[in-house]
Amino acid sequence: VALSSLRNLAECNADSPSPSGKKVIDGTLFLNDMISCGLLKSVDLMTERQWTDIDIVEDLKKLKKMLHNNYKEMSRWDVYENEVLSGSLEWGVLHTEKFFLQNNKQLEGKDGNFKLLKRLILLVSDEDEDVASVACYDIGEFVRHYPNGKHIAKKLGAKDAIMKLIGHENPDLQRHALQSVSKMLVQNWAAVR
């Protein structure tokens, strides 16, 4: 039932009006949310299993195709933005120095309100220690590559939020918090290299 529901959401079409005359939400929005929540990986794993129910096999096949097609259409930044907004951060190509060198200015947001940076600062306090570690890393890379990033991050409370994690019992989270704070304190990156 869950797979059929996901498939139905993904197949929504904005071109067809509802009976009340209002425009129906496009399935692409749902597909983007599904991708940002990691459903693509789960569906890929589920398709490898042997299912006896033909409906499950058909739903998985169709959902997998739609998710992969939509993923190809999304830019890396779109995937990153959805991942941050969903709060489901996972280590990967979106959390690298190269990615932040290319995309650090986009953290400003369309309105210049640093919505994603604010969300990352909130995710530093997440119960999932991996999510908090990735958020610390991303904030550190923003600070390192964005002009005046240190000042902006400090002003939004990133330093205080991350400082609380330096004494954390998880050594990975502790290390990422320490690295992030050290990036906020370094004055000249050229001298460090």
Protein backbone atom coordinates (compact mmCIF):
# COMPACT_ATOMS: atom_id res chain seq x y z
CA VAL A 1 0.00 0.00 0.00
CA ALA A 2 2.85 2.38 0.88
CA LEU A 3 4.61 1.79 -2.44
CA SER A 4 1.38 2.34 -4.36
CA SER A 5 0.82 5.58 -2.46
CA LEU A 6 4.32 6.81 -3.24
CA ARG A 7 3.86 5.90 -6.89
CA ASN A 8 0.53 7.77 -7.02
CA LEU A 9 2.12 10.87 -5.48
CA ALA A 10 4.98 10.71 -7.96
CA GLU A 11 2.55 10.41 -10.88
CA CYS A 12 0.55 13.53 -9.94
CA ASN A 13 0.22 15.79 -12.94
CA ALA A 14 -0.05 19.57 -12.60
CA ASP A 15 -1.61 19.87 -16.03
CA SER A 16 -4.86 18.17 -15.07
CA PRO A 17 -7.21 20.23 -12.91
CA SER A 18 -8.97 18.68 -9.95
CA PRO A 19 -12.79 18.36 -9.97
CA SER A 20 -13.02 21.59 -7.96
CA GLY A 21 -11.08 23.44 -10.66
CA LYS A 22 -7.93 23.95 -8.56
CA LYS A 23 -4.56 23.02 -9.95
CA VAL A 24 -3.16 19.72 -8.68
CA ILE A 25 0.34 19.67 -7.20
CA ASP A 26 2.97 18.33 -9.59
CA GLY A 27 4.52 14.95 -8.79
CA THR A 28 8.01 16.40 -9.33
CA LEU A 29 7.73 18.10 -5.95
CA PHE A 30 7.05 14.77 -4.31
CA LEU A 31 9.87 13.10 -6.24
CA ASN A 32 12.30 15.77 -5.06
CA ASP A 33 11.23 15.20 -1.46
CA MET A 34 11.52 11.44 -1.89
CA ILE A 35 15.06 11.81 -3.25
CA SER A 36 16.11 14.16 -0.45
CA CYS A 37 14.84 11.67 2.14
CA GLY A 38 16.95 8.88 0.68
CA LEU A 39 14.14 6.90 -0.92
CA LEU A 40 16.13 6.36 -4.10
CA LYS A 41 18.62 4.15 -2.28
CA SER A 42 15.86 2.23 -0.48
CA VAL A 43 13.94 1.59 -3.69
CA ASP A 44 17.13 0.41 -5.41
CA LEU A 45 17.72 -2.07 -2.58
CA MET A 46 14.10 -3.23 -2.61
CA THR A 47 14.16 -3.95 -6.36
CA GLU A 48 17.00 -6.42 -5.78
CA ARG A 49 14.77 -8.58 -3.59
CA GLN A 50 12.52 -11.31 -4.96
CA TRP A 51 8.86 -10.33 -4.56
CA THR A 52 5.94 -12.68 -5.12
CA ASP A 53 3.36 -9.88 -5.33
CA ILE A 54 3.19 -8.56 -8.91
CA ASP A 55 1.82 -5.19 -7.74
CA ILE A 56 4.88 -4.60 -5.55
CA VAL A 57 7.22 -5.44 -8.42
CA GLU A 58 5.37 -3.09 -10.79
CA ASP A 59 5.24 -0.25 -8.22
CA LEU A 60 8.94 -0.61 -7.46
CA LYS A 61 9.89 -0.68 -11.13
CA LYS A 62 7.83 2.41 -11.96
CA LEU A 63 8.91 4.32 -8.84
CA LYS A 64 12.58 3.50 -9.44
CA LYS A 65 12.36 4.76 -13.02
CA MET A 66 10.65 8.02 -12.00
CA LEU A 67 13.10 8.65 -9.14
CA HIS A 68 16.15 8.06 -11.35
CA ASN A 69 14.79 10.25 -14.14
CA ASN A 70 14.02 13.07 -11.72
CA TYR A 71 17.42 12.71 -10.05
CA LYS A 72 19.12 13.22 -13.42
CA GLU A 73 17.14 16.44 -13.93
CA MET A 74 18.06 17.87 -10.55
CA SER A 75 21.30 19.80 -10.25
CA ARG A 76 23.68 18.91 -7.46
CA TRP A 77 22.67 22.10 -5.73
CA ASP A 78 18.98 21.10 -5.87
CA VAL A 79 19.82 17.74 -4.30
CA TYR A 80 21.91 19.45 -1.60
CA GLU A 81 19.19 21.99 -0.86
CA ASN A 82 16.55 19.27 -0.52
CA GLU A 83 18.86 17.22 1.68
CA VAL A 84 19.50 20.12 4.06
CA LEU A 85 15.85 21.16 4.22
CA SER A 86 14.77 17.58 4.92
CA GLY A 87 17.38 17.25 7.68
CA SER A 88 18.63 13.95 6.26
CA LEU A 89 22.31 14.75 5.80
CA GLU A 90 24.57 11.89 4.71
CA TRP A 91 28.24 11.90 3.75
CA GLY A 92 28.80 11.96 0.01
CA VAL A 93 29.86 14.10 -2.94
CA LEU A 94 27.69 16.97 -1.73
CA HIS A 95 29.80 17.38 1.40
CA THR A 96 33.25 17.97 -0.04
CA GLU A 97 35.64 20.87 -0.42
CA LYS A 98 35.15 20.81 -4.21
CA PHE A 99 31.35 21.11 -3.87
CA PHE A 100 31.66 24.11 -1.54
CA LEU A 101 34.25 25.80 -3.73
CA GLN A 102 31.72 25.70 -6.57
CA ASN A 103 28.53 26.41 -4.61
CA ASN A 104 29.33 28.43 -1.47
CA LYS A 105 27.61 31.58 -2.72
CA GLN A 106 24.34 29.73 -3.19
CA LEU A 107 24.03 29.35 0.59
CA GLU A 108 22.98 33.00 0.56
CA GLY A 109 19.65 31.89 -0.81
CA LYS A 110 17.49 33.64 -3.35
CA ASP A 111 16.48 36.29 -0.83
CA GLY A 112 19.93 36.69 0.75
CA ASN A 113 18.59 35.38 4.06
CA PHE A 114 20.98 32.38 4.41
CA LYS A 115 18.04 30.03 5.01
CA LEU A 116 20.13 26.90 4.36
CA LEU A 117 22.94 28.07 6.63
CA LYS A 118 20.42 28.70 9.40
CA ARG A 119 19.02 25.21 8.85
CA LEU A 120 22.54 23.73 9.04
CA ILE A 121 23.08 25.54 12.34
CA LEU A 122 19.90 23.94 13.67
CA LEU A 123 21.04 20.51 12.42
CA VAL A 124 24.22 20.81 14.50
CA SER A 125 21.98 20.01 17.49
CA ASP A 126 20.33 17.02 15.78
CA GLU A 127 20.03 13.79 17.78
CA ASP A 128 21.55 11.84 14.89
CA GLU A 129 25.28 12.30 15.41
CA ASP A 130 26.08 11.70 11.72
CA VAL A 131 23.71 14.50 10.70
CA ALA A 132 25.32 16.82 13.25
CA SER A 133 28.82 15.87 12.00
CA VAL A 134 27.91 16.62 8.38
CA ALA A 135 26.31 19.93 9.42
CA CYS A 136 29.51 20.91 11.29
CA TYR A 137 31.61 20.05 8.24
CA ASP A 138 29.34 22.01 5.86
CA ILE A 139 29.37 25.09 8.10
CA GLY A 140 33.15 24.90 8.30
CA GLU A 141 33.45 24.73 4.51
CA PHE A 142 31.04 27.65 4.13
CA VAL A 143 33.15 29.70 6.54
CA ARG A 144 36.31 28.76 4.70
CA HIS A 145 35.16 29.55 1.15
CA TYR A 146 32.50 32.27 1.45
CA PRO A 147 33.71 35.87 1.57
CA ASN A 148 33.14 37.11 5.13
CA GLY A 149 31.68 33.69 5.96
CA LYS A 150 33.22 33.70 9.45
CA HIS A 151 31.39 36.86 10.41
CA ILE A 152 28.05 35.66 8.99
CA ALA A 153 28.27 32.24 10.66
CA LYS A 154 29.20 33.77 14.03
CA LYS A 155 26.39 36.33 13.73
CA LEU A 156 23.87 33.53 13.10
CA GLY A 157 25.10 31.60 16.16
CA ALA A 158 27.03 28.82 14.44
CA LYS A 159 30.14 29.15 16.58
CA ASP A 160 28.22 28.89 19.87
CA ALA A 161 26.17 25.92 18.65
CA ILE A 162 29.23 24.04 17.42
CA MET A 163 31.34 24.86 20.51
CA LYS A 164 28.87 22.83 22.59
CA LEU A 165 29.87 19.73 20.61
CA ILE A 166 33.63 19.95 21.18
CA GLY A 167 33.28 17.92 24.39
CA HIS A 168 30.85 15.40 22.87
CA GLU A 169 31.38 11.70 23.63
CA ASN A 170 31.31 10.71 19.93
CA PRO A 171 34.89 11.19 18.65
CA ASP A 172 33.82 11.79 15.03
CA LEU A 173 31.33 14.49 15.99
CA GLN A 174 33.89 16.00 18.33
CA ARG A 175 36.51 16.07 15.55
CA HIS A 176 34.16 17.69 13.02
CA ALA A 177 33.05 20.27 15.58
CA LEU A 178 36.65 21.11 16.42
CA GLN A 179 37.59 21.39 12.74
CA SER A 180 34.61 23.63 12.05
CA VAL A 181 35.41 25.97 14.93
CA SER A 182 39.08 26.08 13.92
CA LYS A 183 38.02 27.15 10.41
CA MET A 184 36.14 30.02 12.05
CA LEU A 185 39.24 31.08 13.95
CA VAL A 186 41.86 30.92 11.17
CA GLN A 187 42.58 34.39 9.78
CA ASN A 188 44.56 33.55 6.63
CA TRP A 189 43.92 30.25 4.83
CA ALA A 190 46.76 30.86 2.39
CA ALA A 191 49.24 30.76 5.29
CA VAL A 192 47.83 27.43 6.55
CA ARG A 193 48.36 25.66 3.25
